[in-house]
Amino acid sequence: MSTDKQQDLTNDPQEMLKAKHEADKEKQQFTSFARSVSGQTPFDQGQVTPDKHHEPDQQNHMKDTENRMI
């Protein structure tokens, strides 16, 4: 079971660069589409804000307090 991309594999640097540019263009198009669909919704860039994702638990609070004392 081979795909077109597998048949197009090459070691030629110019062809590899061309394929990379095409892939980057597809990624940019998808990003533009995703942003247009999401509207003005702020997007996160992989940074997790712990306060928004879980309730603070007592054990972590106690450990933080202990660490501050040291």
C-alpha atoms as a PDB file:
ATOM      1  CA  MET A   1       0.000   0.000   0.000  1.00  0.00           C
ATOM      2  CA  SER A   2       1.947   3.002  -1.240  1.00  0.00           C
ATOM      3  CA  THR A   3       0.846   6.603  -1.409  1.00  0.00           C
ATOM      4  CA  ASP A   4       1.871   9.335  -3.810  1.00  0.00           C
ATOM      5  CA  LYS A   5       4.073  10.901  -1.141  1.00  0.00           C
ATOM      6  CA  GLN A   6       6.031   7.674  -0.713  1.00  0.00           C
ATOM      7  CA  GLN A   7       6.683   7.518  -4.452  1.00  0.00           C
ATOM      8  CA  ASP A   8       7.882  11.136  -4.476  1.00  0.00           C
ATOM      9  CA  LEU A   9      10.669  10.586  -1.925  1.00  0.00           C
ATOM     10  CA  THR A  10      13.984  11.948  -3.136  1.00  0.00           C
ATOM     11  CA  ASN A  11      17.436  12.901  -1.928  1.00  0.00           C
ATOM     12  CA  ASP A  12      17.630  15.926  -4.218  1.00  0.00           C
ATOM     13  CA  PRO A  13      17.953  18.996  -1.950  1.00  0.00           C
ATOM     14  CA  GLN A  14      16.027  21.235  -4.369  1.00  0.00           C
ATOM     15  CA  GLU A  15      13.096  18.833  -4.512  1.00  0.00           C
ATOM     16  CA  MET A  16      13.183  18.375  -0.739  1.00  0.00           C
ATOM     17  CA  LEU A  17      13.111  22.157  -0.266  1.00  0.00           C
ATOM     18  CA  LYS A  18      10.212  22.463  -2.706  1.00  0.00           C
ATOM     19  CA  ALA A  19       8.293  19.745  -0.820  1.00  0.00           C
ATOM     20  CA  LYS A  20       8.981  21.524   2.488  1.00  0.00           C
ATOM     21  CA  HIS A  21       7.679  24.812   1.101  1.00  0.00           C
ATOM     22  CA  GLU A  22       4.535  23.069  -0.141  1.00  0.00           C
ATOM     23  CA  ALA A  23       3.999  21.471   3.274  1.00  0.00           C
ATOM     24  CA  ASP A  24       4.541  24.843   4.992  1.00  0.00           C
ATOM     25  CA  LYS A  25       2.012  26.422   2.630  1.00  0.00           C
ATOM     26  CA  GLU A  26      -0.557  23.724   3.486  1.00  0.00           C
ATOM     27  CA  LYS A  27       0.065  24.264   7.209  1.00  0.00           C
ATOM     28  CA  GLN A  28      -0.381  28.029   6.792  1.00  0.00           C
ATOM     29  CA  GLN A  29      -3.635  27.491   4.907  1.00  0.00           C
ATOM     30  CA  PHE A  30      -4.913  25.202   7.655  1.00  0.00           C
ATOM     31  CA  THR A  31      -3.885  27.683  10.347  1.00  0.00           C
ATOM     32  CA  SER A  32      -5.691  30.489   8.522  1.00  0.00           C
ATOM     33  CA  PHE A  33      -8.778  28.307   8.165  1.00  0.00           C
ATOM     34  CA  ALA A  34      -8.745  27.300  11.840  1.00  0.00           C
ATOM     35  CA  ARG A  35      -8.396  30.917  12.946  1.00  0.00           C
ATOM     36  CA  SER A  36     -11.226  32.020  10.660  1.00  0.00           C
ATOM     37  CA  VAL A  37     -13.494  29.313  12.072  1.00  0.00           C
ATOM     38  CA  SER A  38     -12.620  30.116  15.682  1.00  0.00           C
ATOM     39  CA  GLY A  39     -13.242  33.821  15.140  1.00  0.00           C
ATOM     40  CA  GLN A  40     -11.754  36.098  17.764  1.00  0.00           C
ATOM     41  CA  THR A  41     -11.360  33.327  20.314  1.00  0.00           C
ATOM     42  CA  PRO A  42      -7.964  33.676  21.955  1.00  0.00           C
ATOM     43  CA  PHE A  43      -5.803  30.658  21.302  1.00  0.00           C
ATOM     44  CA  ASP A  44      -3.264  29.171  23.599  1.00  0.00           C
ATOM     45  CA  GLN A  45       0.246  28.535  22.358  1.00  0.00           C
ATOM     46  CA  GLY A  46       0.861  25.397  24.342  1.00  0.00           C
ATOM     47  CA  GLN A  47       1.157  27.206  27.634  1.00  0.00           C
ATOM     48  CA  VAL A  48      -0.955  25.644  30.340  1.00  0.00           C
ATOM     49  CA  THR A  49      -2.315  27.877  33.045  1.00  0.00           C
ATOM     50  CA  PRO A  50      -2.807  25.528  36.005  1.00  0.00           C
ATOM     51  CA  ASP A  51      -5.343  27.768  37.725  1.00  0.00           C
ATOM     52  CA  LYS A  52      -7.798  27.329  34.877  1.00  0.00           C
ATOM     53  CA  HIS A  53      -7.460  23.560  34.508  1.00  0.00           C
ATOM     54  CA  HIS A  54      -7.942  22.189  37.999  1.00  0.00           C
ATOM     55  CA  GLU A  55      -8.967  23.132  41.472  1.00  0.00           C
ATOM     56  CA  PRO A  56      -6.066  23.738  43.849  1.00  0.00           C
ATOM     57  CA  ASP A  57      -5.734  20.833  46.238  1.00  0.00           C
ATOM     58  CA  GLN A  58      -4.870  20.956  49.906  1.00  0.00           C
ATOM     59  CA  GLN A  59      -1.744  18.803  49.643  1.00  0.00           C
ATOM     60  CA  ASN A  60      -0.108  21.074  47.058  1.00  0.00           C
ATOM     61  CA  HIS A  61      -1.051  24.141  49.057  1.00  0.00           C
ATOM     62  CA  MET A  62       0.540  22.650  52.176  1.00  0.00           C
ATOM     63  CA  LYS A  63       3.704  21.723  50.235  1.00  0.00           C
ATOM     64  CA  ASP A  64       3.930  25.250  48.779  1.00  0.00           C
ATOM     65  CA  THR A  65       3.593  26.704  52.263  1.00  0.00           C
ATOM     66  CA  GLU A  66       6.297  24.351  53.564  1.00  0.00           C
ATOM     67  CA  ASN A  67       8.642  25.265  50.710  1.00  0.00           C
ATOM     68  CA  ARG A  68       8.225  28.956  51.413  1.00  0.00           C
ATOM     69  CA  MET A  69       9.261  28.403  55.042  1.00  0.00           C
ATOM     70  CA  ILE A  70      12.526  26.738  54.041  1.00  0.00           C
END
